[in-house]
PDB file of N, CA and C in Angstrom:
ATOM      1  N   MET A   1     -75.441 -67.599 116.940  1.00  0.00           N
ATOM      2  CA  MET A   1     -76.859 -67.309 116.861  1.00  0.00           C
ATOM      3  C   MET A   1     -77.433 -67.866 115.567  1.00  0.00           C
ATOM      4  N   HIS A   2     -76.662 -67.828 114.524  1.00  0.00           N
ATOM      5  CA  HIS A   2     -77.110 -68.346 113.231  1.00  0.00           C
ATOM      6  C   HIS A   2     -77.339 -69.851 113.325  1.00  0.00           C
ATOM      7  N   GLN A   3     -76.511 -70.523 114.097  1.00  0.00           N
ATOM      8  CA  GLN A   3     -76.636 -71.974 114.265  1.00  0.00           C
ATOM      9  C   GLN A   3     -77.966 -72.328 114.940  1.00  0.00           C
ATOM     10  N   ILE A   4     -78.366 -71.570 115.951  1.00  0.00           N
ATOM     11  CA  ILE A   4     -79.616 -71.844 116.672  1.00  0.00           C
ATOM     12  C   ILE A   4     -80.809 -71.625 115.754  1.00  0.00           C
ATOM     13  N   SER A   5     -80.809 -70.557 114.986  1.00  0.00           N
ATOM     14  CA  SER A   5     -81.935 -70.311 114.075  1.00  0.00           C
ATOM     15  C   SER A   5     -82.006 -71.372 112.982  1.00  0.00           C
ATOM     16  N   LYS A   6     -80.863 -71.875 112.565  1.00  0.00           N
ATOM     17  CA  LYS A   6     -80.841 -72.948 111.570  1.00  0.00           C
ATOM     18  C   LYS A   6     -81.456 -74.224 112.146  1.00  0.00           C
ATOM     19  N   ILE A   7     -81.137 -74.550 113.394  1.00  0.00           N
ATOM     20  CA  ILE A   7     -81.697 -75.743 114.053  1.00  0.00           C
ATOM     21  C   ILE A   7     -83.197 -75.584 114.242  1.00  0.00           C
ATOM     22  N   LEU A   8     -83.626 -74.402 114.668  1.00  0.00           N
ATOM     23  CA  LEU A   8     -85.056 -74.168 114.882  1.00  0.00           C
ATOM     24  C   LEU A   8     -85.846 -74.247 113.579  1.00  0.00           C
ATOM     25  N   SER A   9     -85.291 -73.716 112.504  1.00  0.00           N
ATOM     26  CA  SER A   9     -85.999 -73.790 111.222  1.00  0.00           C
ATOM     27  C   SER A   9     -86.064 -75.223 110.706  1.00  0.00           C
ATOM     28  N   SER A  10     -85.045 -76.033 110.955  1.00  0.00           N
ATOM     29  CA  SER A  10     -85.092 -77.433 110.534  1.00  0.00           C
ATOM     30  C   SER A  10     -86.104 -78.223 111.363  1.00  0.00           C
ATOM     31  N   LEU A  11     -86.244 -77.866 112.644  1.00  0.00           N
ATOM     32  CA  LEU A  11     -87.244 -78.526 113.484  1.00  0.00           C
ATOM     33  C   LEU A  11     -88.656 -78.155 113.054  1.00  0.00           C
ATOM     34  N   ARG A  12     -88.855 -76.920 112.636  1.00  0.00           N
ATOM     35  CA  ARG A  12     -90.161 -76.486 112.156  1.00  0.00           C
ATOM     36  C   ARG A  12     -90.567 -77.194 110.876  1.00  0.00           C
ATOM     37  N   ALA A  13     -89.625 -77.512 110.043  1.00  0.00           N
ATOM     38  CA  ALA A  13     -89.905 -78.173 108.773  1.00  0.00           C
ATOM     39  C   ALA A  13     -90.161 -79.667 108.947  1.00  0.00           C
ATOM     40  N   ASP A  14     -89.691 -80.260 110.039  1.00  0.00           N
ATOM     41  CA  ASP A  14     -89.858 -81.694 110.288  1.00  0.00           C
ATOM     42  C   ASP A  14     -91.243 -81.953 110.865  1.00  0.00           C
ATOM     43  N   ARG A  15     -92.073 -82.704 110.159  1.00  0.00           N
ATOM     44  CA  ARG A  15     -93.449 -82.967 110.577  1.00  0.00           C
ATOM     45  C   ARG A  15     -93.638 -84.373 111.158  1.00  0.00           C
ATOM     46  N   ARG A  16     -92.576 -85.136 111.328  1.00  0.00           N
ATOM     47  CA  ARG A  16     -92.716 -86.492 111.862  1.00  0.00           C
ATOM     48  C   ARG A  16     -93.223 -86.488 113.295  1.00  0.00           C
ATOM     49  N   GLY A  17     -92.799 -85.547 114.089  1.00  0.00           N
ATOM     50  CA  GLY A  17     -93.245 -85.458 115.472  1.00  0.00           C
ATOM     51  C   GLY A  17     -94.722 -85.125 115.583  1.00  0.00           C
ATOM     52  N   VAL A  18     -95.212 -84.304 114.675  1.00  0.00           N
ATOM     53  CA  VAL A  18     -96.625 -83.938 114.679  1.00  0.00           C
ATOM     54  C   VAL A  18     -97.473 -85.170 114.387  1.00  0.00           C
ATOM     55  N   THR A  19     -97.052 -85.984 113.424  1.00  0.00           N
ATOM     56  CA  THR A  19     -97.788 -87.194 113.081  1.00  0.00           C
ATOM     57  C   THR A  19     -97.798 -88.167 114.246  1.00  0.00           C
ATOM     58  N   ALA A  20     -96.685 -88.339 114.898  1.00  0.00           N
ATOM     59  CA  ALA A  20     -96.614 -89.232 116.058  1.00  0.00           C
ATOM     60  C   ALA A  20     -97.513 -88.727 117.176  1.00  0.00           C
ATOM     61  N   LEU A  21     -97.554 -87.433 117.373  1.00  0.00           N
ATOM     62  CA  LEU A  21     -98.414 -86.850 118.397  1.00  0.00           C
ATOM     63  C   LEU A  21     -99.887 -87.080 118.060  1.00  0.00           C
ATOM     64  N   GLU A  22    -100.249 -86.926 116.799  1.00  0.00           N
ATOM     65  CA  GLU A  22    -101.634 -87.164 116.385  1.00  0.00           C
ATOM     66  C   GLU A  22    -102.023 -88.617 116.624  1.00  0.00           C
ATOM     67  N   TYR A  23    -101.154 -89.549 116.279  1.00  0.00           N
ATOM     68  CA  TYR A  23    -101.447 -90.958 116.525  1.00  0.00           C
ATOM     69  C   TYR A  23    -101.560 -91.239 118.018  1.00  0.00           C
ATOM     70  N   GLY A  24    -100.749 -90.604 118.816  1.00  0.00           N
ATOM     71  CA  GLY A  24    -100.830 -90.769 120.257  1.00  0.00           C
ATOM     72  C   GLY A  24    -102.152 -90.248 120.815  1.00  0.00           C
ATOM     73  N   LEU A  25    -102.610 -89.110 120.308  1.00  0.00           N
ATOM     74  CA  LEU A  25    -103.898 -88.564 120.753  1.00  0.00           C
ATOM     75  C   LEU A  25    -105.053 -89.451 120.322  1.00  0.00           C
ATOM     76  N   ILE A  26    -104.987 -90.001 119.127  1.00  0.00           N
ATOM     77  CA  ILE A  26    -106.030 -90.918 118.658  1.00  0.00           C
ATOM     78  C   ILE A  26    -106.052 -92.165 119.532  1.00  0.00           C
ATOM     79  N   ALA A  27    -104.889 -92.713 119.828  1.00  0.00           N
ATOM     80  CA  ALA A  27    -104.819 -93.902 120.678  1.00  0.00           C
ATOM     81  C   ALA A  27    -105.374 -93.601 122.069  1.00  0.00           C
ATOM     82  N   ALA A  28    -105.062 -92.439 122.614  1.00  0.00           N
ATOM     83  CA  ALA A  28    -105.569 -92.065 123.936  1.00  0.00           C
ATOM     84  C   ALA A  28    -107.093 -91.936 123.912  1.00  0.00           C
ATOM     85  N   ALA A  29    -107.643 -91.356 122.849  1.00  0.00           N
ATOM     86  CA  ALA A  29    -109.098 -91.223 122.740  1.00  0.00           C
ATOM     87  C   ALA A  29    -109.768 -92.588 122.643  1.00  0.00           C
ATOM     88  N   ILE A  30    -109.156 -93.505 121.909  1.00  0.00           N
ATOM     89  CA  ILE A  30    -109.713 -94.858 121.793  1.00  0.00           C
ATOM     90  C   ILE A  30    -109.672 -95.563 123.147  1.00  0.00           C
ATOM     91  N   ILE A  31    -108.592 -95.402 123.883  1.00  0.00           N
ATOM     92  CA  ILE A  31    -108.472 -96.028 125.207  1.00  0.00           C
ATOM     93  C   ILE A  31    -109.523 -95.473 126.159  1.00  0.00           C
ATOM     94  N   VAL A  32    -109.750 -94.172 126.122  1.00  0.00           N
ATOM     95  CA  VAL A  32    -110.764 -93.562 126.984  1.00  0.00           C
ATOM     96  C   VAL A  32    -112.154 -94.086 126.617  1.00  0.00           C
ATOM     97  N   ALA A  33    -112.449 -94.205 125.314  1.00  0.00           N
ATOM     98  CA  ALA A  33    -113.753 -94.703 124.885  1.00  0.00           C
ATOM     99  C   ALA A  33    -113.959 -96.154 125.311  1.00  0.00           C
ATOM    100  N   ILE A  34    -112.944 -96.979 125.155  1.00  0.00           N
ATOM    101  CA  ILE A  34    -113.052 -98.387 125.561  1.00  0.00           C
ATOM    102  C   ILE A  34    -113.216 -98.489 127.080  1.00  0.00           C
ATOM    103  N   SER A  35    -112.464 -97.711 127.832  1.00  0.00           N
ATOM    104  CA  SER A  35    -112.563 -97.741 129.290  1.00  0.00           C
ATOM    105  C   SER A  35    -113.951 -97.319 129.766  1.00  0.00           C
ATOM    106  N   ALA A  36    -114.497 -96.274 129.169  1.00  0.00           N
ATOM    107  CA  ALA A  36    -115.835 -95.816 129.553  1.00  0.00           C
ATOM    108  C   ALA A  36    -116.883 -96.869 129.234  1.00  0.00           C
ATOM    109  N   THR A  37    -116.751 -97.520 128.084  1.00  0.00           N
ATOM    110  CA  THR A  37    -117.704 -98.562 127.704  1.00  0.00           C
ATOM    111  C   THR A  37    -117.622 -99.744 128.650  1.00  0.00           C
ATOM    112  N   VAL A  38    -116.431-100.193 128.948  1.00  0.00           N
ATOM    113  CA  VAL A  38    -116.257-101.333 129.847  1.00  0.00           C
ATOM    114  C   VAL A  38    -116.771-100.991 131.244  1.00  0.00           C
ATOM    115  N   PHE A  39    -116.503 -99.785 131.704  1.00  0.00           N
ATOM    116  CA  PHE A  39    -116.956 -99.375 133.028  1.00  0.00           C
ATOM    117  C   PHE A  39    -118.475 -99.355 133.108  1.00  0.00           C
ATOM    118  N   SER A  40    -119.127 -98.759 132.102  1.00  0.00           N
ATOM    119  CA  SER A  40    -120.591 -98.676 132.145  1.00  0.00           C
ATOM    120  C   SER A  40    -121.237-100.041 131.944  1.00  0.00           C
ATOM    121  N   LEU A  41    -120.701-100.855 131.051  1.00  0.00           N
ATOM    122  CA  LEU A  41    -121.259-102.194 130.853  1.00  0.00           C
ATOM    123  C   LEU A  41    -120.971-103.092 132.047  1.00  0.00           C
ATOM    124  N   GLY A  42    -119.835-102.912 132.674  1.00  0.00           N
ATOM    125  CA  GLY A  42    -119.490-103.720 133.838  1.00  0.00           C
ATOM    126  C   GLY A  42    -120.469-103.508 134.975  1.00  0.00           C
ATOM    127  N   SER A  43    -120.825-102.272 135.240  1.00  0.00           N
ATOM    128  CA  SER A  43    -121.791-101.980 136.296  1.00  0.00           C
ATOM    129  C   SER A  43    -123.157-102.541 135.945  1.00  0.00           C
ATOM    130  N   SER A  44    -123.551-102.388 134.707  1.00  0.00           N
ATOM    131  CA  SER A  44    -124.844-102.889 134.253  1.00  0.00           C
ATOM    132  C   SER A  44    -124.902-104.408 134.323  1.00  0.00           C
ATOM    133  N   LEU A  45    -123.848-105.054 133.850  1.00  0.00           N
ATOM    134  CA  LEU A  45    -123.822-106.517 133.873  1.00  0.00           C
ATOM    135  C   LEU A  45    -123.771-107.058 135.294  1.00  0.00           C
ATOM    136  N   ASN A  46    -123.062-106.384 136.174  1.00  0.00           N
ATOM    137  CA  ASN A  46    -122.998-106.816 137.561  1.00  0.00           C
ATOM    138  C   ASN A  46    -124.387-106.782 138.188  1.00  0.00           C
ATOM    139  N   GLY A  47    -125.130-105.722 137.933  1.00  0.00           N
ATOM    140  CA  GLY A  47    -126.491-105.626 138.446  1.00  0.00           C
ATOM    141  C   GLY A  47    -127.391-106.699 137.860  1.00  0.00           C
ATOM    142  N   SER A  48    -127.238-106.980 136.584  1.00  0.00           N
ATOM    143  CA  SER A  48    -128.052-108.007 135.933  1.00  0.00           C
ATOM    144  C   SER A  48    -127.754-109.381 136.503  1.00  0.00           C
ATOM    145  N   PHE A  49    -126.475-109.715 136.654  1.00  0.00           N
ATOM    146  CA  PHE A  49    -126.116-111.017 137.196  1.00  0.00           C
ATOM    147  C   PHE A  49    -126.549-111.162 138.652  1.00  0.00           C
ATOM    148  N   SER A  50    -126.457-110.105 139.416  1.00  0.00           N
ATOM    149  CA  SER A  50    -126.923-110.152 140.798  1.00  0.00           C
ATOM    150  C   SER A  50    -128.424-110.390 140.851  1.00  0.00           C
ATOM    151  N   SER A  51    -129.168-109.735 139.967  1.00  0.00           N
ATOM    152  CA  SER A  51    -130.613-109.922 139.907  1.00  0.00           C
ATOM    153  C   SER A  51    -130.971-111.349 139.526  1.00  0.00           C
ATOM    154  N   VAL A  52    -130.285-111.895 138.528  1.00  0.00           N
ATOM    155  CA  VAL A  52    -130.535-113.276 138.110  1.00  0.00           C
ATOM    156  C   VAL A  52    -130.165-114.233 139.234  1.00  0.00           C
ATOM    157  N   ASN A  53    -129.056-113.987 139.898  1.00  0.00           N
ATOM    158  CA  ASN A  53    -128.629-114.840 141.004  1.00  0.00           C
ATOM    159  C   ASN A  53    -129.666-114.843 142.120  1.00  0.00           C
ATOM    160  N   THR A  54    -130.176-113.680 142.471  1.00  0.00           N
ATOM    161  CA  THR A  54    -131.184-113.583 143.517  1.00  0.00           C
ATOM    162  C   THR A  54    -132.468-114.285 143.094  1.00  0.00           C
ATOM    163  N   SER A  55    -132.857-114.131 141.836  1.00  0.00           N
ATOM    164  CA  SER A  55    -134.078-114.773 141.347  1.00  0.00           C
ATOM    165  C   SER A  55    -133.962-116.288 141.357  1.00  0.00           C
ATOM    166  N   LEU A  56    -132.804-116.798 141.020  1.00  0.00           N
ATOM    167  CA  LEU A  56    -132.636-118.248 140.935  1.00  0.00           C
ATOM    168  C   LEU A  56    -132.433-118.915 142.285  1.00  0.00           C
ATOM    169  N   THR A  57    -131.722-118.270 143.180  1.00  0.00           N
ATOM    170  CA  THR A  57    -131.330-118.936 144.422  1.00  0.00           C
ATOM    171  C   THR A  57    -131.990-118.366 145.664  1.00  0.00           C
ATOM    172  N   GLY A  58    -132.644-117.258 145.567  1.00  0.00           N
ATOM    173  CA  GLY A  58    -133.261-116.646 146.737  1.00  0.00           C
ATOM    174  C   GLY A  58    -132.363-115.595 147.333  1.00  0.00           C
ATOM    175  N   PRO A  59    -132.896-114.773 148.222  1.00  0.00           N
ATOM    176  CA  PRO A  59    -132.121-113.651 148.768  1.00  0.00           C
ATOM    177  C   PRO A  59    -130.939-114.065 149.630  1.00  0.00           C
ATOM    178  N   ALA A  60    -130.953-115.243 150.253  1.00  0.00           N
ATOM    179  CA  ALA A  60    -129.855-115.629 151.144  1.00  0.00           C
ATOM    180  C   ALA A  60    -128.571-115.879 150.383  1.00  0.00           C
ATOM    181  N   ALA A  61    -128.659-116.329 149.136  1.00  0.00           N
ATOM    182  CA  ALA A  61    -127.454-116.644 148.375  1.00  0.00           C
ATOM    183  C   ALA A  61    -126.775-115.384 147.852  1.00  0.00           C
ATOM    184  N   SER A  62    -127.460-114.257 147.870  1.00  0.00           N
ATOM    185  CA  SER A  62    -126.848-113.036 147.354  1.00  0.00           C
ATOM    186  C   SER A  62    -125.743-112.509 148.259  1.00  0.00           C
ATOM    187  N   THR A  63    -125.614-113.065 149.475  1.00  0.00           N
ATOM    188  CA  THR A  63    -124.525-112.653 150.357  1.00  0.00           C
ATOM    189  C   THR A  63    -123.201-113.235 149.914  1.00  0.00           C
ATOM    190  N   GLY A  64    -123.251-114.221 148.997  1.00  0.00           N
ATOM    191  CA  GLY A  64    -122.035-114.817 148.497  1.00  0.00           C
ATOM    192  C   GLY A  64    -121.610-116.043 149.268  1.00  0.00           C
ATOM    193  N   THR A  65    -122.321-116.369 150.367  1.00  0.00           N
ATOM    194  CA  THR A  65    -121.923-117.526 151.158  1.00  0.00           C
ATOM    195  C   THR A  65    -122.557-118.806 150.640  1.00  0.00           C
ATOM    196  N   GLY A  66    -123.740-118.711 150.013  1.00  0.00           N
ATOM    197  CA  GLY A  66    -124.436-119.890 149.536  1.00  0.00           C
ATOM    198  C   GLY A  66    -125.126-120.650 150.651  1.00  0.00           C
ATOM    199  N   VAL A  67    -125.161-120.064 151.843  1.00  0.00           N
ATOM    200  CA  VAL A  67    -125.788-120.713 152.993  1.00  0.00           C
ATOM    201  C   VAL A  67    -126.868-119.787 153.520  1.00  0.00           C
ATOM    202  N   THR A  68    -128.034-120.336 153.817  1.00  0.00           N
ATOM    203  CA  THR A  68    -129.114-119.516 154.351  1.00  0.00           C
ATOM    204  C   THR A  68    -128.845-119.192 155.811  1.00  0.00           C
ATOM    205  N   ASN A  69    -129.693-118.368 156.399  1.00  0.00           N
ATOM    206  CA  ASN A  69    -129.527-117.976 157.796  1.00  0.00           C
ATOM    207  C   ASN A  69    -129.681-119.155 158.750  1.00  0.00           C
ATOM    208  N   SER A  70    -130.419-120.182 158.329  1.00  0.00           N
ATOM    209  CA  SER A  70    -130.612-121.324 159.212  1.00  0.00           C
ATOM    210  C   SER A  70    -129.413-122.279 159.183  1.00  0.00           C
ATOM    211  N   GLY A  71    -128.437-122.015 158.303  1.00  0.00           N
ATOM    212  CA  GLY A  71    -127.256-122.845 158.256  1.00  0.00           C
ATOM    213  C   GLY A  71    -127.362-123.983 157.257  1.00  0.00           C
ATOM    214  N   THR A  72    -128.449-124.046 156.522  1.00  0.00           N
ATOM    215  CA  THR A  72    -128.601-125.105 155.528  1.00  0.00           C
ATOM    216  C   THR A  72    -128.481-124.533 154.136  1.00  0.00           C
ATOM    217  N   ALA A  73    -128.137-125.355 153.180  1.00  0.00           N
ATOM    218  CA  ALA A  73    -128.040-124.901 151.796  1.00  0.00           C
ATOM    219  C   ALA A  73    -129.443-124.668 151.256  1.00  0.00           C
ATOM    220  N   PRO A  74    -129.609-123.696 150.377  1.00  0.00           N
ATOM    221  CA  PRO A  74    -130.938-123.430 149.805  1.00  0.00           C
ATOM    222  C   PRO A  74    -131.422-124.611 148.978  1.00  0.00           C
ATOM    223  N   ILE A  75    -132.715-124.870 149.041  1.00  0.00           N
ATOM    224  CA  ILE A  75    -133.327-125.958 148.278  1.00  0.00           C
ATOM    225  C   ILE A  75    -134.009-125.367 147.072  1.00  0.00           C
ATOM    226  N   ASN A  76    -133.646-125.871 145.898  1.00  0.00           N
ATOM    227  CA  ASN A  76    -134.235-125.356 144.654  1.00  0.00           C
ATOM    228  C   ASN A  76    -135.215-126.350 144.102  1.00  0.00           C
TER     229      ASN A  76
END
């Protein structure tokens, strides 16, 4: 029993694990912040590029085919 209490007290005195855990939590928070930023900017940029694409080429090109309903390429 004395051996177990000695091991537990030595583990309590060792703070290296706490520091590693703190760095891990900081890294996780940074990853979450970057992911949220990329996700929100990605949606915004996608909408902006779609709007610019529609403005430049007309509504038929927004389908991604680049061909109008009549089967001809859009004339700019």
